[in-house]
Amino acid sequence: MTDVQVQNRVASDGQSPQAIAATTPMTADPPRAATTRTAWAWSGRSVIRIIELAAVVALAFLMLDFVFHAIGALNVGLAALTFTVGSFLASPFVGILKTTSATQGNLFVWADVLAMAAYAVVAILVAGVVARVTRGAAHRTA
């Protein structure tokens, strides 16, 4: 599509100015190059972010489980959810360390602390392996 734009100019030839009408063709912006769609693949960074998010959520539930047991929270509401999820996450570590009682109803569930340490170490190791694998793949393609 071509539009015509009329411009009025004043030319000076040294003696008398006169109006000159010129037409300048204007074209629309050329169409942008069609972007090619490539298959979306997981990048190492996004996988590492998912691992970090999962570790943070697990560590938060375990920490809240430990704190709620230590302060003697009742098994209702958020504390009930935390006790359920926290006991599920800490179940592989139950029996390794003894649960101690500070006062009546207050417990120190050391399996939660052990589970936090284990999940943090596993998350760091898995994120490191993913970073090395994806960095190696990037070097091979370059």
N, C-alpha and C. Protein backbone atom coordinates (compact mmCIF):
# COMPACT_ATOMS: atom_id res chain seq x y z
N MET A 1 0.85 -1.16 0.00
CA MET A 1 0.00 0.00 0.00
C MET A 1 0.89 1.22 0.00
N THR A 2 0.61 2.15 -0.90
CA THR A 2 1.42 3.35 -1.02
C THR A 2 0.54 4.57 -0.82
N ASP A 3 0.96 5.44 0.07
CA ASP A 3 0.28 6.71 0.27
C ASP A 3 1.12 7.81 -0.35
N VAL A 4 0.47 8.86 -0.71
CA VAL A 4 1.20 10.00 -1.27
C VAL A 4 1.06 11.16 -0.30
N GLN A 5 2.17 11.74 0.02
CA GLN A 5 2.17 12.86 0.94
C GLN A 5 2.58 14.10 0.15
N VAL A 6 1.82 15.14 0.30
CA VAL A 6 2.10 16.38 -0.41
C VAL A 6 2.86 17.30 0.52
N GLN A 7 3.96 17.80 0.04
CA GLN A 7 4.77 18.72 0.84
C GLN A 7 4.88 20.03 0.09
N ASN A 8 4.67 21.12 0.75
CA ASN A 8 4.86 22.44 0.18
C ASN A 8 6.20 22.96 0.64
N ARG A 9 7.04 23.28 -0.32
CA ARG A 9 8.35 23.82 0.01
C ARG A 9 8.50 25.17 -0.66
N VAL A 10 9.30 25.96 -0.07
CA VAL A 10 9.61 27.25 -0.66
C VAL A 10 11.05 27.19 -1.12
N ALA A 11 11.26 27.40 -2.42
CA ALA A 11 12.61 27.35 -2.97
C ALA A 11 13.09 28.77 -3.19
N SER A 12 14.32 28.93 -2.98
CA SER A 12 14.89 30.25 -3.18
C SER A 12 15.96 30.14 -4.25
N ASP A 13 15.74 30.78 -5.38
CA ASP A 13 16.73 30.76 -6.44
C ASP A 13 17.50 32.07 -6.50
N GLY A 14 17.44 32.79 -5.42
CA GLY A 14 18.17 34.03 -5.34
C GLY A 14 17.34 35.25 -5.64
N GLN A 15 16.27 35.12 -6.43
CA GLN A 15 15.49 36.31 -6.78
C GLN A 15 14.09 36.26 -6.20
N SER A 16 13.35 35.25 -6.51
CA SER A 16 11.98 35.23 -6.02
C SER A 16 11.63 33.84 -5.52
N PRO A 17 11.09 33.78 -4.33
CA PRO A 17 10.68 32.47 -3.83
C PRO A 17 9.42 32.01 -4.54
N GLN A 18 9.34 30.73 -4.80
CA GLN A 18 8.12 30.19 -5.39
C GLN A 18 7.79 28.87 -4.71
N ALA A 19 6.54 28.59 -4.60
CA ALA A 19 6.07 27.38 -3.93
C ALA A 19 6.25 26.20 -4.86
N ILE A 20 6.78 25.13 -4.31
CA ILE A 20 6.97 23.91 -5.08
C ILE A 20 6.16 22.82 -4.39
N ALA A 21 5.33 22.15 -5.12
CA ALA A 21 4.57 21.03 -4.59
C ALA A 21 5.27 19.76 -5.03
N ALA A 22 5.65 18.94 -4.09
CA ALA A 22 6.32 17.69 -4.42
C ALA A 22 5.52 16.55 -3.83
N THR A 23 5.56 15.45 -4.50
CA THR A 23 4.90 14.26 -3.97
C THR A 23 5.98 13.24 -3.61
N THR A 24 5.86 12.74 -2.42
CA THR A 24 6.81 11.74 -1.95
C THR A 24 6.03 10.47 -1.64
N PRO A 25 6.34 9.39 -2.33
CA PRO A 25 5.61 8.15 -2.03
C PRO A 25 6.00 7.63 -0.64
N MET A 26 5.01 7.23 0.10
CA MET A 26 5.25 6.65 1.44
C MET A 26 4.71 5.24 1.44
N THR A 27 5.51 4.34 1.90
CA THR A 27 5.07 2.96 1.96
C THR A 27 4.87 2.57 3.41
N ALA A 28 4.04 1.60 3.62
CA ALA A 28 3.82 1.09 4.98
C ALA A 28 5.07 0.35 5.42
N ASP A 29 5.18 0.19 6.72
CA ASP A 29 6.32 -0.55 7.25
C ASP A 29 6.35 -1.94 6.63
N PRO A 30 7.54 -2.38 6.27
CA PRO A 30 7.61 -3.73 5.69
C PRO A 30 7.19 -4.75 6.75
N PRO A 31 6.58 -5.82 6.31
CA PRO A 31 6.16 -6.83 7.31
C PRO A 31 7.38 -7.39 8.01
N ARG A 32 7.21 -7.59 9.27
CA ARG A 32 8.31 -8.15 10.06
C ARG A 32 8.56 -9.58 9.63
N ALA A 33 9.79 -9.95 9.74
CA ALA A 33 10.15 -11.31 9.36
C ALA A 33 9.37 -12.28 10.24
N ALA A 34 8.85 -13.27 9.62
CA ALA A 34 8.09 -14.26 10.37
C ALA A 34 9.02 -14.97 11.35
N THR A 35 8.62 -14.99 12.58
CA THR A 35 9.44 -15.66 13.58
C THR A 35 9.21 -17.15 13.48
N THR A 36 10.27 -17.85 13.51
CA THR A 36 10.15 -19.31 13.46
C THR A 36 9.90 -19.82 14.87
N ARG A 37 8.98 -20.70 14.97
CA ARG A 37 8.68 -21.27 16.28
C ARG A 37 9.51 -22.53 16.45
N THR A 38 10.24 -22.55 17.51
CA THR A 38 11.03 -23.73 17.81
C THR A 38 10.38 -24.47 18.96
N ALA A 39 10.68 -25.72 19.05
CA ALA A 39 10.15 -26.52 20.15
C ALA A 39 10.72 -25.99 21.45
N TRP A 40 9.84 -25.76 22.42
CA TRP A 40 10.27 -25.22 23.69
C TRP A 40 10.88 -26.34 24.52
N ALA A 41 12.06 -26.11 25.01
CA ALA A 41 12.74 -27.13 25.81
C ALA A 41 13.06 -26.54 27.18
N TRP A 42 13.15 -27.40 28.15
CA TRP A 42 13.50 -26.96 29.49
C TRP A 42 14.94 -26.49 29.49
N SER A 43 15.14 -25.32 30.01
CA SER A 43 16.51 -24.86 30.15
C SER A 43 16.99 -25.26 31.54
N GLY A 44 18.28 -25.27 31.70
CA GLY A 44 18.83 -25.64 33.00
C GLY A 44 18.40 -24.68 34.09
N ARG A 45 18.31 -23.40 33.74
CA ARG A 45 17.95 -22.39 34.74
C ARG A 45 16.53 -22.61 35.26
N SER A 46 15.58 -22.95 34.38
CA SER A 46 14.21 -23.16 34.84
C SER A 46 14.09 -24.42 35.68
N VAL A 47 14.85 -25.45 35.35
CA VAL A 47 14.84 -26.67 36.16
C VAL A 47 15.42 -26.38 37.55
N ILE A 48 16.49 -25.61 37.58
CA ILE A 48 17.09 -25.26 38.87
C ILE A 48 16.12 -24.42 39.70
N ARG A 49 15.39 -23.52 39.07
CA ARG A 49 14.39 -22.71 39.80
C ARG A 49 13.30 -23.59 40.39
N ILE A 50 12.86 -24.60 39.66
CA ILE A 50 11.83 -25.51 40.17
C ILE A 50 12.39 -26.31 41.35
N ILE A 51 13.63 -26.75 41.26
CA ILE A 51 14.25 -27.48 42.37
C ILE A 51 14.36 -26.58 43.59
N GLU A 52 14.77 -25.32 43.39
CA GLU A 52 14.87 -24.38 44.51
C GLU A 52 13.51 -24.12 45.14
N LEU A 53 12.48 -23.97 44.32
CA LEU A 53 11.14 -23.73 44.84
C LEU A 53 10.64 -24.91 45.66
N ALA A 54 10.85 -26.13 45.15
CA ALA A 54 10.43 -27.32 45.88
C ALA A 54 11.17 -27.43 47.21
N ALA A 55 12.47 -27.12 47.20
CA ALA A 55 13.25 -27.20 48.43
C ALA A 55 12.79 -26.16 49.44
N VAL A 56 12.50 -24.95 48.98
CA VAL A 56 12.04 -23.90 49.90
C VAL A 56 10.70 -24.27 50.52
N VAL A 57 9.79 -24.81 49.72
CA VAL A 57 8.48 -25.20 50.25
C VAL A 57 8.64 -26.32 51.27
N ALA A 58 9.44 -27.33 50.95
CA ALA A 58 9.65 -28.45 51.87
C ALA A 58 10.31 -27.98 53.16
N LEU A 59 11.33 -27.13 53.04
CA LEU A 59 12.03 -26.64 54.23
C LEU A 59 11.11 -25.76 55.08
N ALA A 60 10.24 -24.98 54.43
CA ALA A 60 9.32 -24.14 55.19
C ALA A 60 8.34 -25.00 56.00
N PHE A 61 7.78 -26.04 55.38
CA PHE A 61 6.86 -26.91 56.12
C PHE A 61 7.57 -27.62 57.27
N LEU A 62 8.78 -28.10 57.03
CA LEU A 62 9.52 -28.79 58.09
C LEU A 62 9.88 -27.84 59.23
N MET A 63 10.28 -26.62 58.89
CA MET A 63 10.62 -25.66 59.93
C MET A 63 9.39 -25.28 60.75
N LEU A 64 8.26 -25.05 60.06
CA LEU A 64 7.04 -24.74 60.80
C LEU A 64 6.59 -25.92 61.65
N ASP A 65 6.75 -27.13 61.15
CA ASP A 65 6.40 -28.32 61.92
C ASP A 65 7.23 -28.39 63.21
N PHE A 66 8.53 -28.15 63.07
CA PHE A 66 9.40 -28.17 64.25
C PHE A 66 9.00 -27.08 65.24
N VAL A 67 8.76 -25.87 64.74
CA VAL A 67 8.41 -24.74 65.63
C VAL A 67 7.06 -24.96 66.28
N PHE A 68 6.05 -25.40 65.51
CA PHE A 68 4.73 -25.62 66.09
C PHE A 68 4.75 -26.72 67.14
N HIS A 69 5.53 -27.78 66.92
CA HIS A 69 5.65 -28.81 67.97
C HIS A 69 6.37 -28.24 69.19
N ALA A 70 7.39 -27.43 68.96
CA ALA A 70 8.17 -26.90 70.09
C ALA A 70 7.36 -25.94 70.96
N ILE A 71 6.45 -25.19 70.36
CA ILE A 71 5.65 -24.26 71.16
C ILE A 71 4.35 -24.88 71.63
N GLY A 72 4.09 -26.12 71.27
CA GLY A 72 2.90 -26.82 71.74
C GLY A 72 1.63 -26.36 71.05
N ALA A 73 1.69 -26.06 69.77
CA ALA A 73 0.51 -25.60 69.03
C ALA A 73 -0.54 -26.71 68.95
N LEU A 74 -1.81 -26.30 68.95
CA LEU A 74 -2.90 -27.25 68.82
C LEU A 74 -3.01 -27.72 67.37
N ASN A 75 -3.55 -28.90 67.19
CA ASN A 75 -3.66 -29.52 65.87
C ASN A 75 -4.90 -29.01 65.15
N VAL A 76 -4.93 -27.71 64.84
CA VAL A 76 -6.06 -27.10 64.12
C VAL A 76 -5.51 -26.10 63.11
N GLY A 77 -6.27 -25.87 62.04
CA GLY A 77 -5.94 -24.84 61.07
C GLY A 77 -4.61 -25.05 60.37
N LEU A 78 -3.82 -23.99 60.32
CA LEU A 78 -2.53 -24.03 59.66
C LEU A 78 -1.59 -25.03 60.34
N ALA A 79 -1.68 -25.11 61.64
CA ALA A 79 -0.82 -26.05 62.36
C ALA A 79 -1.16 -27.50 61.97
N ALA A 80 -2.44 -27.81 61.78
CA ALA A 80 -2.83 -29.16 61.37
C ALA A 80 -2.28 -29.49 60.00
N LEU A 81 -2.38 -28.53 59.07
CA LEU A 81 -1.81 -28.74 57.73
C LEU A 81 -0.30 -28.93 57.82
N THR A 82 0.34 -28.09 58.62
CA THR A 82 1.79 -28.17 58.79
C THR A 82 2.20 -29.50 59.41
N PHE A 83 1.45 -29.97 60.42
CA PHE A 83 1.78 -31.26 61.04
C PHE A 83 1.63 -32.40 60.04
N THR A 84 0.61 -32.35 59.20
CA THR A 84 0.39 -33.41 58.23
C THR A 84 1.51 -33.46 57.19
N VAL A 85 1.78 -32.30 56.58
CA VAL A 85 2.81 -32.24 55.54
C VAL A 85 4.19 -32.47 56.14
N GLY A 86 4.46 -31.86 57.28
CA GLY A 86 5.76 -32.01 57.93
C GLY A 86 6.03 -33.44 58.35
N SER A 87 5.03 -34.13 58.89
CA SER A 87 5.26 -35.52 59.30
C SER A 87 5.46 -36.42 58.07
N PHE A 88 4.79 -36.10 56.96
CA PHE A 88 5.00 -36.86 55.74
C PHE A 88 6.43 -36.67 55.24
N LEU A 89 6.91 -35.42 55.21
CA LEU A 89 8.26 -35.14 54.72
C LEU A 89 9.34 -35.71 55.64
N ALA A 90 9.07 -35.73 56.94
CA ALA A 90 10.06 -36.20 57.90
C ALA A 90 9.97 -37.71 58.16
N SER A 91 8.98 -38.38 57.61
CA SER A 91 8.77 -39.79 57.91
C SER A 91 9.97 -40.69 57.57
N PRO A 92 10.77 -40.44 56.52
CA PRO A 92 11.93 -41.32 56.31
C PRO A 92 13.00 -41.20 57.40
N PHE A 93 12.94 -40.15 58.19
CA PHE A 93 13.98 -39.89 59.19
C PHE A 93 13.52 -40.14 60.62
N VAL A 94 12.27 -40.58 60.77
CA VAL A 94 11.74 -40.85 62.11
C VAL A 94 12.46 -42.06 62.69
N GLY A 95 12.89 -41.96 63.91
CA GLY A 95 13.56 -43.06 64.59
C GLY A 95 15.07 -42.94 64.56
N ILE A 96 15.61 -42.10 63.71
CA ILE A 96 17.07 -41.92 63.70
C ILE A 96 17.50 -41.11 64.91
N LEU A 97 16.78 -40.02 65.15
CA LEU A 97 17.04 -39.20 66.33
C LEU A 97 15.79 -39.25 67.22
N LYS A 98 16.02 -39.22 68.51
CA LYS A 98 14.93 -39.34 69.47
C LYS A 98 14.20 -38.01 69.61
N THR A 99 12.86 -38.06 69.62
CA THR A 99 12.05 -36.88 69.88
C THR A 99 12.08 -36.62 71.37
N THR A 100 12.39 -35.39 71.74
CA THR A 100 12.49 -35.05 73.17
C THR A 100 11.35 -34.13 73.56
N SER A 101 11.04 -34.13 74.84
CA SER A 101 9.96 -33.31 75.38
C SER A 101 10.55 -32.27 76.32
N ALA A 102 10.30 -31.00 76.02
CA ALA A 102 10.81 -29.93 76.88
C ALA A 102 9.89 -29.77 78.09
N THR A 103 8.63 -29.62 77.86
CA THR A 103 7.63 -29.53 78.92
C THR A 103 6.41 -30.33 78.46
N GLN A 104 5.39 -30.33 79.26
CA GLN A 104 4.18 -31.07 78.92
C GLN A 104 3.58 -30.53 77.63
N GLY A 105 3.55 -31.34 76.56
CA GLY A 105 2.94 -30.93 75.30
C GLY A 105 3.90 -30.29 74.31
N ASN A 106 5.08 -29.91 74.76
CA ASN A 106 6.06 -29.30 73.85
C ASN A 106 7.08 -30.36 73.47
N LEU A 107 7.24 -30.55 72.16
CA LEU A 107 8.15 -31.58 71.67
C LEU A 107 9.22 -30.96 70.77
N PHE A 108 10.40 -31.53 70.84
CA PHE A 108 11.44 -31.21 69.87
C PHE A 108 11.55 -32.41 68.95
N VAL A 109 11.02 -32.27 67.75
CA VAL A 109 11.02 -33.36 66.78
C VAL A 109 12.29 -33.20 65.94
N TRP A 110 13.33 -33.90 66.36
CA TRP A 110 14.62 -33.75 65.71
C TRP A 110 14.65 -34.38 64.32
N ALA A 111 13.68 -35.22 64.02
CA ALA A 111 13.58 -35.77 62.66
C ALA A 111 13.31 -34.65 61.65
N ASP A 112 12.60 -33.61 62.08
CA ASP A 112 12.35 -32.46 61.20
C ASP A 112 13.66 -31.75 60.85
N VAL A 113 14.51 -31.57 61.83
CA VAL A 113 15.79 -30.90 61.60
C VAL A 113 16.67 -31.75 60.69
N LEU A 114 16.70 -33.04 60.93
CA LEU A 114 17.49 -33.94 60.08
C LEU A 114 16.95 -33.95 58.65
N ALA A 115 15.62 -33.94 58.50
CA ALA A 115 15.01 -33.91 57.18
C ALA A 115 15.33 -32.59 56.47
N MET A 116 15.33 -31.47 57.20
CA MET A 116 15.68 -30.18 56.58
C MET A 116 17.10 -30.22 56.03
N ALA A 117 18.02 -30.74 56.81
CA ALA A 117 19.42 -30.81 56.37
C ALA A 117 19.54 -31.74 55.15
N ALA A 118 18.89 -32.88 55.19
CA ALA A 118 18.99 -33.83 54.08
C ALA A 118 18.38 -33.27 52.81
N TYR A 119 17.20 -32.64 52.90
CA TYR A 119 16.56 -32.09 51.71
C TYR A 119 17.36 -30.92 51.14
N ALA A 120 17.96 -30.11 52.00
CA ALA A 120 18.78 -29.00 51.52
C ALA A 120 20.00 -29.51 50.76
N VAL A 121 20.66 -30.53 51.31
CA VAL A 121 21.84 -31.09 50.65
C VAL A 121 21.46 -31.72 49.31
N VAL A 122 20.36 -32.46 49.28
CA VAL A 122 19.92 -33.10 48.03
C VAL A 122 19.56 -32.04 46.99
N ALA A 123 18.88 -30.98 47.39
CA ALA A 123 18.52 -29.92 46.45
C ALA A 123 19.76 -29.24 45.87
N ILE A 124 20.76 -29.00 46.70
CA ILE A 124 22.00 -28.37 46.24
C ILE A 124 22.72 -29.30 45.26
N LEU A 125 22.79 -30.59 45.59
CA LEU A 125 23.46 -31.54 44.71
C LEU A 125 22.75 -31.69 43.37
N VAL A 126 21.43 -31.81 43.39
CA VAL A 126 20.67 -31.97 42.14
C VAL A 126 20.78 -30.70 41.29
N ALA A 127 20.69 -29.54 41.91
CA ALA A 127 20.83 -28.29 41.16
C ALA A 127 22.23 -28.17 40.56
N GLY A 128 23.25 -28.62 41.28
CA GLY A 128 24.61 -28.61 40.75
C GLY A 128 24.78 -29.54 39.57
N VAL A 129 24.18 -30.72 39.65
CA VAL A 129 24.26 -31.68 38.54
C VAL A 129 23.54 -31.11 37.31
N VAL A 130 22.36 -30.54 37.50
CA VAL A 130 21.62 -29.95 36.38
C VAL A 130 22.42 -28.81 35.76
N ALA A 131 23.05 -27.99 36.59
CA ALA A 131 23.85 -26.88 36.07
C ALA A 131 25.03 -27.40 35.25
N ARG A 132 25.69 -28.43 35.73
CA ARG A 132 26.82 -28.98 34.98
C ARG A 132 26.39 -29.63 33.67
N VAL A 133 25.28 -30.36 33.70
CA VAL A 133 24.80 -31.04 32.49
C VAL A 133 24.38 -30.02 31.45
N THR A 134 23.63 -29.00 31.84
CA THR A 134 23.18 -28.01 30.87
C THR A 134 24.33 -27.14 30.39
N ARG A 135 25.30 -26.87 31.23
CA ARG A 135 26.48 -26.11 30.79
C ARG A 135 27.28 -26.94 29.78
N GLY A 136 27.40 -28.23 30.01
CA GLY A 136 28.08 -29.12 29.07
C GLY A 136 27.35 -29.19 27.74
N ALA A 137 26.01 -29.22 27.78
CA ALA A 137 25.23 -29.25 26.54
C ALA A 137 25.39 -27.95 25.79
N ALA A 138 25.48 -26.84 26.49
CA ALA A 138 25.65 -25.54 25.82
C ALA A 138 27.01 -25.45 25.15
N HIS A 139 28.04 -26.03 25.77
CA HIS A 139 29.37 -26.02 25.17
C HIS A 139 29.43 -26.92 23.94
N ARG A 140 28.68 -28.01 23.95
CA ARG A 140 28.69 -28.93 22.80
C ARG A 140 28.00 -28.31 21.60
N THR A 141 26.94 -27.53 21.83
CA THR A 141 26.23 -26.92 20.71
C THR A 141 26.92 -25.68 20.17
N ALA A 142 27.78 -25.07 20.98
CA ALA A 142 28.44 -23.84 20.54
C ALA A 142 29.63 -24.11 19.65
